[in-house]
Amino acid sequence: MRRLVILILIVINTYDVAGVTLDSTIKKERSPMEYFELFLSTDPAINDQKLNFATDKWNRFIAQMKDHSFSEAPNDVFIKSLFKNLHRNFLPEYNRQSNFGNLFTEEPTYNCVTATALLSIALETFNIPYAIRETNFHVYVLLPEHDMLLESTNRFGILNGSNDIERRISKYVKENRSSSKNDLIPMFIDKEINLDQFAGLLFFNLAVDYVQKEDWSGAMPYLTYAEQHYYSLRVFYLKFLVSARLPENQNIYVRYKL
């Protein structure tokens, strides 16, 4: 296994696609609804009926929130109302293996990535400045102009004030550093990402579900989609390992296996 790790590190250090380096930002100009549809496309079971149902439900929600009066710009009261109503309408039950389409079923479920994706689209819709932070095992949202941290997996997950926010972020960093040491190739992830890259995370999570079932062929298409939106180290690394597990590449895997 040590030889496999060294080989991966060598390839990572030299690998690029069309001049795009690892962790480069891929940003396209999309409307909030275009991001919404992009995120829905990550649902393996998406079809026209599900797309129309989800779009109608989301549009009704946005229209209702627009009826909440606020002056020239959304204030803290509106943001808290938006967060509360997102949970009430779309985030009733946590399920780690949920995908974005599961937010729009008769019995909606969510996880950290899908809930934060929906929250980010809502903030984008109402022109509320925000920053999405990605760590090894978590994503959360900062609102710098409102001195808020939003933890989407908790319906009471609004932190106000710089001291509380700094303590929470320090907790994330500590947990992240500790957990990342157990990875095959330790990598510490703590950075801002955009909505296009977020689509890559949604596809990446789907791939991980297949990897956990040892369905290597099932994982590969989603890793390819993830790579197209978010050319990151974690995507590249997992794709490399999954490729080695494919039947046509078994001779490579056996050669470097412990």
C-alpha atoms as a PDB file:
ATOM      1  CA  MET A   1       0.000   0.000   0.000  1.00  0.00           C
ATOM      2  CA  ARG A   2       2.905   2.361   0.672  1.00  0.00           C
ATOM      3  CA  ARG A   3       3.974   2.062  -2.994  1.00  0.00           C
ATOM      4  CA  LEU A   4       0.425   2.876  -4.111  1.00  0.00           C
ATOM      5  CA  VAL A   5       0.367   6.006  -1.928  1.00  0.00           C
ATOM      6  CA  ILE A   6       3.707   7.177  -3.353  1.00  0.00           C
ATOM      7  CA  LEU A   7       2.473   6.572  -6.896  1.00  0.00           C
ATOM      8  CA  ILE A   8      -0.706   8.579  -6.243  1.00  0.00           C
ATOM      9  CA  LEU A   9       1.267  11.470  -4.774  1.00  0.00           C
ATOM     10  CA  ILE A  10       3.559  11.539  -7.827  1.00  0.00           C
ATOM     11  CA  VAL A  11       0.589  11.574 -10.194  1.00  0.00           C
ATOM     12  CA  ILE A  12      -1.206  14.256  -8.153  1.00  0.00           C
ATOM     13  CA  ASN A  13       1.837  16.504  -8.300  1.00  0.00           C
ATOM     14  CA  THR A  14       2.034  16.309 -12.088  1.00  0.00           C
ATOM     15  CA  TYR A  15      -1.588  15.848 -13.134  1.00  0.00           C
ATOM     16  CA  ASP A  16      -3.685  18.483 -14.842  1.00  0.00           C
ATOM     17  CA  VAL A  17      -6.538  18.507 -17.340  1.00  0.00           C
ATOM     18  CA  ALA A  18      -6.543  21.134 -20.101  1.00  0.00           C
ATOM     19  CA  GLY A  19      -4.335  23.360 -17.969  1.00  0.00           C
ATOM     20  CA  VAL A  20      -6.713  23.307 -14.986  1.00  0.00           C
ATOM     21  CA  THR A  21      -4.873  22.672 -11.739  1.00  0.00           C
ATOM     22  CA  LEU A  22      -6.171  20.820  -8.729  1.00  0.00           C
ATOM     23  CA  ASP A  23      -8.572  22.803  -6.525  1.00  0.00           C
ATOM     24  CA  SER A  24      -8.957  25.455  -9.189  1.00  0.00           C
ATOM     25  CA  THR A  25     -12.156  27.478  -9.107  1.00  0.00           C
ATOM     26  CA  ILE A  26     -14.683  26.716 -11.823  1.00  0.00           C
ATOM     27  CA  LYS A  27     -17.213  29.532 -11.824  1.00  0.00           C
ATOM     28  CA  LYS A  28     -19.992  30.034 -14.323  1.00  0.00           C
ATOM     29  CA  GLU A  29     -22.638  32.709 -14.440  1.00  0.00           C
ATOM     30  CA  ARG A  30     -25.868  30.967 -13.459  1.00  0.00           C
ATOM     31  CA  SER A  31     -29.114  32.235 -11.973  1.00  0.00           C
ATOM     32  CA  PRO A  32     -30.308  30.806  -8.632  1.00  0.00           C
ATOM     33  CA  MET A  33     -32.878  28.683 -10.486  1.00  0.00           C
ATOM     34  CA  GLU A  34     -30.191  27.343 -12.812  1.00  0.00           C
ATOM     35  CA  TYR A  35     -28.194  26.275  -9.769  1.00  0.00           C
ATOM     36  CA  PHE A  36     -31.350  24.734  -8.332  1.00  0.00           C
ATOM     37  CA  GLU A  37     -31.833  22.667 -11.500  1.00  0.00           C
ATOM     38  CA  LEU A  38     -28.138  21.755 -11.597  1.00  0.00           C
ATOM     39  CA  PHE A  39     -28.319  20.455  -8.022  1.00  0.00           C
ATOM     40  CA  LEU A  40     -31.491  18.498  -8.832  1.00  0.00           C
ATOM     41  CA  SER A  41     -29.668  16.877 -11.749  1.00  0.00           C
ATOM     42  CA  THR A  42     -27.453  15.108  -9.198  1.00  0.00           C
ATOM     43  CA  ASP A  43     -30.449  12.984  -8.147  1.00  0.00           C
ATOM     44  CA  PRO A  44     -30.040   9.585  -9.873  1.00  0.00           C
ATOM     45  CA  ALA A  45     -33.828   9.204 -10.048  1.00  0.00           C
ATOM     46  CA  ILE A  46     -34.617  12.652 -11.463  1.00  0.00           C
ATOM     47  CA  ASN A  47     -37.258  12.830 -14.204  1.00  0.00           C
ATOM     48  CA  ASP A  48     -39.571  15.503 -15.612  1.00  0.00           C
ATOM     49  CA  GLN A  49     -42.279  14.793 -13.041  1.00  0.00           C
ATOM     50  CA  LYS A  50     -39.898  15.082 -10.090  1.00  0.00           C
ATOM     51  CA  LEU A  51     -38.257  18.158 -11.605  1.00  0.00           C
ATOM     52  CA  ASN A  52     -41.616  19.921 -12.054  1.00  0.00           C
ATOM     53  CA  PHE A  53     -42.775  18.982  -8.560  1.00  0.00           C
ATOM     54  CA  ALA A  54     -39.558  20.231  -6.943  1.00  0.00           C
ATOM     55  CA  THR A  55     -39.498  23.433  -8.997  1.00  0.00           C
ATOM     56  CA  ASP A  56     -43.127  24.262  -8.178  1.00  0.00           C
ATOM     57  CA  LYS A  57     -42.595  23.639  -4.464  1.00  0.00           C
ATOM     58  CA  TRP A  58     -39.434  25.750  -4.400  1.00  0.00           C
ATOM     59  CA  ASN A  59     -41.031  28.621  -6.334  1.00  0.00           C
ATOM     60  CA  ARG A  60     -43.986  28.659  -3.930  1.00  0.00           C
ATOM     61  CA  PHE A  61     -41.594  28.777  -0.994  1.00  0.00           C
ATOM     62  CA  ILE A  62     -39.610  31.668  -2.467  1.00  0.00           C
ATOM     63  CA  ALA A  63     -42.837  33.582  -3.216  1.00  0.00           C
ATOM     64  CA  GLN A  64     -43.991  33.117   0.372  1.00  0.00           C
ATOM     65  CA  MET A  65     -40.678  34.349   1.722  1.00  0.00           C
ATOM     66  CA  LYS A  66     -40.816  37.401  -0.556  1.00  0.00           C
ATOM     67  CA  ASP A  67     -44.062  38.303   1.154  1.00  0.00           C
ATOM     68  CA  HIS A  68     -42.107  38.717   4.386  1.00  0.00           C
ATOM     69  CA  SER A  69     -41.483  42.423   4.321  1.00  0.00           C
ATOM     70  CA  PHE A  70     -37.978  43.768   4.670  1.00  0.00           C
ATOM     71  CA  SER A  71     -36.659  47.160   3.677  1.00  0.00           C
ATOM     72  CA  GLU A  72     -33.833  47.772   1.219  1.00  0.00           C
ATOM     73  CA  ALA A  73     -31.914  44.626   2.170  1.00  0.00           C
ATOM     74  CA  PRO A  74     -32.678  41.440   4.131  1.00  0.00           C
ATOM     75  CA  ASN A  75     -32.045  41.982   7.831  1.00  0.00           C
ATOM     76  CA  ASP A  76     -31.216  39.514  10.592  1.00  0.00           C
ATOM     77  CA  VAL A  77     -34.884  38.898  11.353  1.00  0.00           C
ATOM     78  CA  PHE A  78     -35.569  37.897   7.753  1.00  0.00           C
ATOM     79  CA  ILE A  79     -32.499  35.625   7.620  1.00  0.00           C
ATOM     80  CA  LYS A  80     -33.606  33.826  10.780  1.00  0.00           C
ATOM     81  CA  SER A  81     -37.118  33.457   9.341  1.00  0.00           C
ATOM     82  CA  LEU A  82     -35.687  32.094   6.081  1.00  0.00           C
ATOM     83  CA  PHE A  83     -33.565  29.559   7.958  1.00  0.00           C
ATOM     84  CA  LYS A  84     -36.477  28.480  10.165  1.00  0.00           C
ATOM     85  CA  ASN A  85     -38.856  28.051   7.235  1.00  0.00           C
ATOM     86  CA  LEU A  86     -36.306  26.095   5.209  1.00  0.00           C
ATOM     87  CA  HIS A  87     -36.146  23.579   8.027  1.00  0.00           C
ATOM     88  CA  ARG A  88     -39.906  23.488   8.434  1.00  0.00           C
ATOM     89  CA  ASN A  89     -40.578  22.882   4.736  1.00  0.00           C
ATOM     90  CA  PHE A  90     -37.601  20.854   3.492  1.00  0.00           C
ATOM     91  CA  LEU A  91     -35.424  19.586   6.362  1.00  0.00           C
ATOM     92  CA  PRO A  92     -37.559  17.519   8.748  1.00  0.00           C
ATOM     93  CA  GLU A  93     -35.374  14.393   8.991  1.00  0.00           C
ATOM     94  CA  TYR A  94     -31.620  13.796   8.752  1.00  0.00           C
ATOM     95  CA  ASN A  95     -30.352  10.890   6.649  1.00  0.00           C
ATOM     96  CA  ARG A  96     -26.659  10.731   5.826  1.00  0.00           C
ATOM     97  CA  GLN A  97     -27.247   9.014   2.478  1.00  0.00           C
ATOM     98  CA  SER A  98     -29.767  11.544   1.150  1.00  0.00           C
ATOM     99  CA  ASN A  99     -29.357  13.255  -2.201  1.00  0.00           C
ATOM    100  CA  PHE A 100     -30.618  16.685  -3.243  1.00  0.00           C
ATOM    101  CA  GLY A 101     -33.795  15.270  -4.806  1.00  0.00           C
ATOM    102  CA  ASN A 102     -34.762  13.741  -1.442  1.00  0.00           C
ATOM    103  CA  LEU A 103     -35.502  17.264  -0.207  1.00  0.00           C
ATOM    104  CA  PHE A 104     -38.562  17.266  -2.482  1.00  0.00           C
ATOM    105  CA  THR A 105     -40.300  13.995  -1.690  1.00  0.00           C
ATOM    106  CA  GLU A 106     -43.417  13.231   0.351  1.00  0.00           C
ATOM    107  CA  GLU A 107     -41.153  12.511   3.331  1.00  0.00           C
ATOM    108  CA  PRO A 108     -38.114  14.782   2.794  1.00  0.00           C
ATOM    109  CA  THR A 109     -34.705  13.857   4.169  1.00  0.00           C
ATOM    110  CA  TYR A 110     -31.425  15.766   4.136  1.00  0.00           C
ATOM    111  CA  ASN A 111     -27.792  15.592   5.059  1.00  0.00           C
ATOM    112  CA  CYS A 112     -25.116  18.205   5.683  1.00  0.00           C
ATOM    113  CA  VAL A 113     -24.281  18.723   2.004  1.00  0.00           C
ATOM    114  CA  THR A 114     -27.828  18.791   0.585  1.00  0.00           C
ATOM    115  CA  ALA A 115     -29.178  21.068   3.326  1.00  0.00           C
ATOM    116  CA  THR A 116     -26.316  23.538   2.927  1.00  0.00           C
ATOM    117  CA  ALA A 117     -26.765  23.447  -0.853  1.00  0.00           C
ATOM    118  CA  LEU A 118     -30.431  24.413  -0.506  1.00  0.00           C
ATOM    119  CA  LEU A 119     -29.617  27.099   2.053  1.00  0.00           C
ATOM    120  CA  SER A 120     -26.983  28.569  -0.272  1.00  0.00           C
ATOM    121  CA  ILE A 121     -29.444  28.785  -3.168  1.00  0.00           C
ATOM    122  CA  ALA A 122     -31.917  30.578  -0.895  1.00  0.00           C
ATOM    123  CA  LEU A 123     -29.261  33.092   0.139  1.00  0.00           C
ATOM    124  CA  GLU A 124     -28.286  33.548  -3.514  1.00  0.00           C
ATOM    125  CA  THR A 125     -31.938  34.152  -4.441  1.00  0.00           C
ATOM    126  CA  PHE A 126     -32.302  36.963  -1.916  1.00  0.00           C
ATOM    127  CA  ASN A 127     -28.878  38.485  -2.679  1.00  0.00           C
ATOM    128  CA  ILE A 128     -27.588  37.870   0.833  1.00  0.00           C
ATOM    129  CA  PRO A 129     -23.757  37.837   0.824  1.00  0.00           C
ATOM    130  CA  TYR A 130     -22.464  34.483   2.070  1.00  0.00           C
ATOM    131  CA  ALA A 131     -19.449  32.193   2.028  1.00  0.00           C
ATOM    132  CA  ILE A 132     -19.608  28.394   1.835  1.00  0.00           C
ATOM    133  CA  ARG A 133     -16.855  26.707   3.830  1.00  0.00           C
ATOM    134  CA  GLU A 134     -15.792  23.153   3.035  1.00  0.00           C
ATOM    135  CA  THR A 135     -13.887  20.951   5.479  1.00  0.00           C
ATOM    136  CA  ASN A 136     -12.944  17.283   5.262  1.00  0.00           C
ATOM    137  CA  PHE A 137     -16.246  16.098   6.692  1.00  0.00           C
ATOM    138  CA  HIS A 138     -18.506  19.141   6.857  1.00  0.00           C
ATOM    139  CA  VAL A 139     -19.822  22.226   5.051  1.00  0.00           C
ATOM    140  CA  TYR A 140     -21.278  25.339   6.650  1.00  0.00           C
ATOM    141  CA  VAL A 141     -22.150  28.928   5.719  1.00  0.00           C
ATOM    142  CA  LEU A 142     -20.820  32.254   6.970  1.00  0.00           C
ATOM    143  CA  LEU A 143     -22.665  35.566   6.590  1.00  0.00           C
ATOM    144  CA  PRO A 144     -19.889  38.116   7.165  1.00  0.00           C
ATOM    145  CA  GLU A 145     -22.110  41.180   6.816  1.00  0.00           C
ATOM    146  CA  HIS A 146     -24.499  39.836   9.451  1.00  0.00           C
ATOM    147  CA  ASP A 147     -21.887  38.277  11.758  1.00  0.00           C
ATOM    148  CA  MET A 148     -23.607  34.878  11.501  1.00  0.00           C
ATOM    149  CA  LEU A 149     -22.661  31.238  11.062  1.00  0.00           C
ATOM    150  CA  LEU A 150     -25.397  28.941   9.736  1.00  0.00           C
ATOM    151  CA  GLU A 151     -25.242  25.240  10.601  1.00  0.00           C
ATOM    152  CA  SER A 152     -27.836  23.723   8.269  1.00  0.00           C
ATOM    153  CA  THR A 153     -28.103  20.325   9.980  1.00  0.00           C
ATOM    154  CA  ASN A 154     -29.494  21.934  13.140  1.00  0.00           C
ATOM    155  CA  ARG A 155     -32.803  23.791  13.109  1.00  0.00           C
ATOM    156  CA  PHE A 156     -31.395  25.962  15.892  1.00  0.00           C
ATOM    157  CA  GLY A 157     -28.089  26.258  14.045  1.00  0.00           C
ATOM    158  CA  ILE A 158     -27.694  30.049  13.857  1.00  0.00           C
ATOM    159  CA  LEU A 159     -24.687  31.478  15.661  1.00  0.00           C
ATOM    160  CA  ASN A 160     -24.469  35.220  16.227  1.00  0.00           C
ATOM    161  CA  GLY A 161     -21.421  37.172  17.334  1.00  0.00           C
ATOM    162  CA  SER A 162     -17.763  36.914  16.469  1.00  0.00           C
ATOM    163  CA  ASN A 163     -16.744  35.169  19.713  1.00  0.00           C
ATOM    164  CA  ASP A 164     -19.231  32.317  19.339  1.00  0.00           C
ATOM    165  CA  ILE A 165     -18.401  31.977  15.645  1.00  0.00           C
ATOM    166  CA  GLU A 166     -14.654  31.857  16.306  1.00  0.00           C
ATOM    167  CA  ARG A 167     -15.155  29.171  18.954  1.00  0.00           C
ATOM    168  CA  ARG A 168     -17.274  27.083  16.599  1.00  0.00           C
ATOM    169  CA  ILE A 169     -14.790  27.397  13.736  1.00  0.00           C
ATOM    170  CA  SER A 170     -11.925  26.472  16.088  1.00  0.00           C
ATOM    171  CA  LYS A 171     -13.920  23.376  17.052  1.00  0.00           C
ATOM    172  CA  TYR A 172     -14.367  22.473  13.369  1.00  0.00           C
ATOM    173  CA  VAL A 173     -10.641  22.923  12.706  1.00  0.00           C
ATOM    174  CA  LYS A 174      -9.626  20.810  15.703  1.00  0.00           C
ATOM    175  CA  GLU A 175     -12.004  17.983  14.768  1.00  0.00           C
ATOM    176  CA  ASN A 176     -10.959  18.240  11.139  1.00  0.00           C
ATOM    177  CA  ARG A 177      -7.226  17.993  11.867  1.00  0.00           C
ATOM    178  CA  SER A 178      -7.779  15.021  14.154  1.00  0.00           C
ATOM    179  CA  SER A 179      -9.971  13.116  11.691  1.00  0.00           C
ATOM    180  CA  SER A 180      -7.890  13.866   8.600  1.00  0.00           C
ATOM    181  CA  LYS A 181      -4.858  12.157  10.159  1.00  0.00           C
ATOM    182  CA  ASN A 182      -6.650   8.828   9.791  1.00  0.00           C
ATOM    183  CA  ASP A 183      -7.056   9.173   6.018  1.00  0.00           C
ATOM    184  CA  LEU A 184      -4.912   7.060   3.702  1.00  0.00           C
ATOM    185  CA  ILE A 185      -3.437  10.263   2.274  1.00  0.00           C
ATOM    186  CA  PRO A 186      -3.908  12.861   5.041  1.00  0.00           C
ATOM    187  CA  MET A 187      -5.219  16.096   3.597  1.00  0.00           C
ATOM    188  CA  PHE A 188      -6.543  19.024   5.566  1.00  0.00           C
ATOM    189  CA  ILE A 189      -9.457  20.760   3.828  1.00  0.00           C
ATOM    190  CA  ASP A 190     -10.733  24.112   5.083  1.00  0.00           C
ATOM    191  CA  LYS A 191     -11.604  26.559   2.318  1.00  0.00           C
ATOM    192  CA  GLU A 192     -14.301  28.541   0.585  1.00  0.00           C
ATOM    193  CA  ILE A 193     -16.098  27.033  -2.395  1.00  0.00           C
ATOM    194  CA  ASN A 194     -18.659  28.369  -4.867  1.00  0.00           C
ATOM    195  CA  LEU A 195     -21.970  26.923  -6.056  1.00  0.00           C
ATOM    196  CA  ASP A 196     -20.478  25.304  -9.151  1.00  0.00           C
ATOM    197  CA  GLN A 197     -18.002  23.458  -6.956  1.00  0.00           C
ATOM    198  CA  PHE A 198     -20.849  22.569  -4.614  1.00  0.00           C
ATOM    199  CA  ALA A 199     -22.438  20.627  -7.476  1.00  0.00           C
ATOM    200  CA  GLY A 200     -19.206  18.638  -7.576  1.00  0.00           C
ATOM    201  CA  LEU A 201     -19.566  17.825  -3.874  1.00  0.00           C
ATOM    202  CA  LEU A 202     -23.114  16.557  -4.449  1.00  0.00           C
ATOM    203  CA  PHE A 203     -21.883  14.233  -7.202  1.00  0.00           C
ATOM    204  CA  PHE A 204     -18.912  13.214  -5.028  1.00  0.00           C
ATOM    205  CA  ASN A 205     -21.244  12.180  -2.189  1.00  0.00           C
ATOM    206  CA  LEU A 206     -23.193   9.957  -4.576  1.00  0.00           C
ATOM    207  CA  ALA A 207     -19.935   8.305  -5.621  1.00  0.00           C
ATOM    208  CA  VAL A 208     -19.023   7.693  -1.977  1.00  0.00           C
ATOM    209  CA  ASP A 209     -22.335   5.856  -1.470  1.00  0.00           C
ATOM    210  CA  TYR A 210     -21.389   3.474  -4.298  1.00  0.00           C
ATOM    211  CA  VAL A 211     -17.847   3.071  -2.960  1.00  0.00           C
ATOM    212  CA  GLN A 212     -19.211   2.044   0.430  1.00  0.00           C
ATOM    213  CA  LYS A 213     -21.137  -0.713  -1.356  1.00  0.00           C
ATOM    214  CA  GLU A 214     -17.977  -1.615  -3.307  1.00  0.00           C
ATOM    215  CA  ASP A 215     -19.811  -0.830  -6.544  1.00  0.00           C
ATOM    216  CA  TRP A 216     -16.797   0.605  -8.355  1.00  0.00           C
ATOM    217  CA  SER A 217     -18.454   0.803 -11.765  1.00  0.00           C
ATOM    218  CA  GLY A 218     -21.418   2.632 -10.232  1.00  0.00           C
ATOM    219  CA  ALA A 219     -19.140   5.178  -8.568  1.00  0.00           C
ATOM    220  CA  MET A 220     -17.115   6.130 -11.650  1.00  0.00           C
ATOM    221  CA  PRO A 221     -19.756   8.190 -13.565  1.00  0.00           C
ATOM    222  CA  TYR A 222     -20.433  10.343 -10.500  1.00  0.00           C
ATOM    223  CA  LEU A 223     -16.727  10.916  -9.917  1.00  0.00           C
ATOM    224  CA  THR A 224     -16.423  12.030 -13.528  1.00  0.00           C
ATOM    225  CA  TYR A 225     -19.350  14.450 -13.054  1.00  0.00           C
ATOM    226  CA  ALA A 226     -17.810  15.660  -9.785  1.00  0.00           C
ATOM    227  CA  GLU A 227     -14.482  16.287 -11.512  1.00  0.00           C
ATOM    228  CA  GLN A 228     -16.186  18.390 -14.203  1.00  0.00           C
ATOM    229  CA  HIS A 229     -17.593  20.766 -11.587  1.00  0.00           C
ATOM    230  CA  TYR A 230     -14.938  20.624  -8.878  1.00  0.00           C
ATOM    231  CA  TYR A 231     -11.473  19.514  -9.861  1.00  0.00           C
ATOM    232  CA  SER A 232     -10.280  18.855  -6.317  1.00  0.00           C
ATOM    233  CA  LEU A 233      -7.757  16.614  -4.625  1.00  0.00           C
ATOM    234  CA  ARG A 234     -10.365  14.479  -2.885  1.00  0.00           C
ATOM    235  CA  VAL A 235     -12.231  13.863  -6.160  1.00  0.00           C
ATOM    236  CA  PHE A 236      -9.047  13.037  -8.057  1.00  0.00           C
ATOM    237  CA  TYR A 237      -7.775  10.757  -5.317  1.00  0.00           C
ATOM    238  CA  LEU A 238     -11.009   8.752  -4.979  1.00  0.00           C
ATOM    239  CA  LYS A 239     -11.312   8.461  -8.761  1.00  0.00           C
ATOM    240  CA  PHE A 240      -7.772   7.100  -8.912  1.00  0.00           C
ATOM    241  CA  LEU A 241      -8.512   4.441  -6.278  1.00  0.00           C
ATOM    242  CA  VAL A 242     -11.851   3.467  -7.826  1.00  0.00           C
ATOM    243  CA  SER A 243     -10.237   3.188 -11.261  1.00  0.00           C
ATOM    244  CA  ALA A 244      -7.740   0.708  -9.840  1.00  0.00           C
ATOM    245  CA  ARG A 245     -10.635  -1.403  -8.549  1.00  0.00           C
ATOM    246  CA  LEU A 246     -12.394  -1.674 -11.898  1.00  0.00           C
ATOM    247  CA  PRO A 247     -12.199  -5.179 -13.450  1.00  0.00           C
ATOM    248  CA  GLU A 248     -10.213  -3.958 -16.444  1.00  0.00           C
ATOM    249  CA  ASN A 249      -7.577  -2.465 -14.097  1.00  0.00           C
ATOM    250  CA  GLN A 250      -7.302  -5.250 -11.520  1.00  0.00           C
ATOM    251  CA  ASN A 251      -3.730  -6.072 -12.571  1.00  0.00           C
ATOM    252  CA  ILE A 252      -2.671  -2.563 -11.503  1.00  0.00           C
ATOM    253  CA  TYR A 253      -4.458  -2.845  -8.135  1.00  0.00           C
ATOM    254  CA  VAL A 254      -3.021  -6.299  -7.369  1.00  0.00           C
ATOM    255  CA  ARG A 255       0.484  -5.106  -8.230  1.00  0.00           C
ATOM    256  CA  TYR A 256       0.405  -2.344  -5.631  1.00  0.00           C
ATOM    257  CA  LYS A 257      -1.773  -4.040  -3.014  1.00  0.00           C
ATOM    258  CA  LEU A 258      -0.144  -4.916   0.330  1.00  0.00           C
END
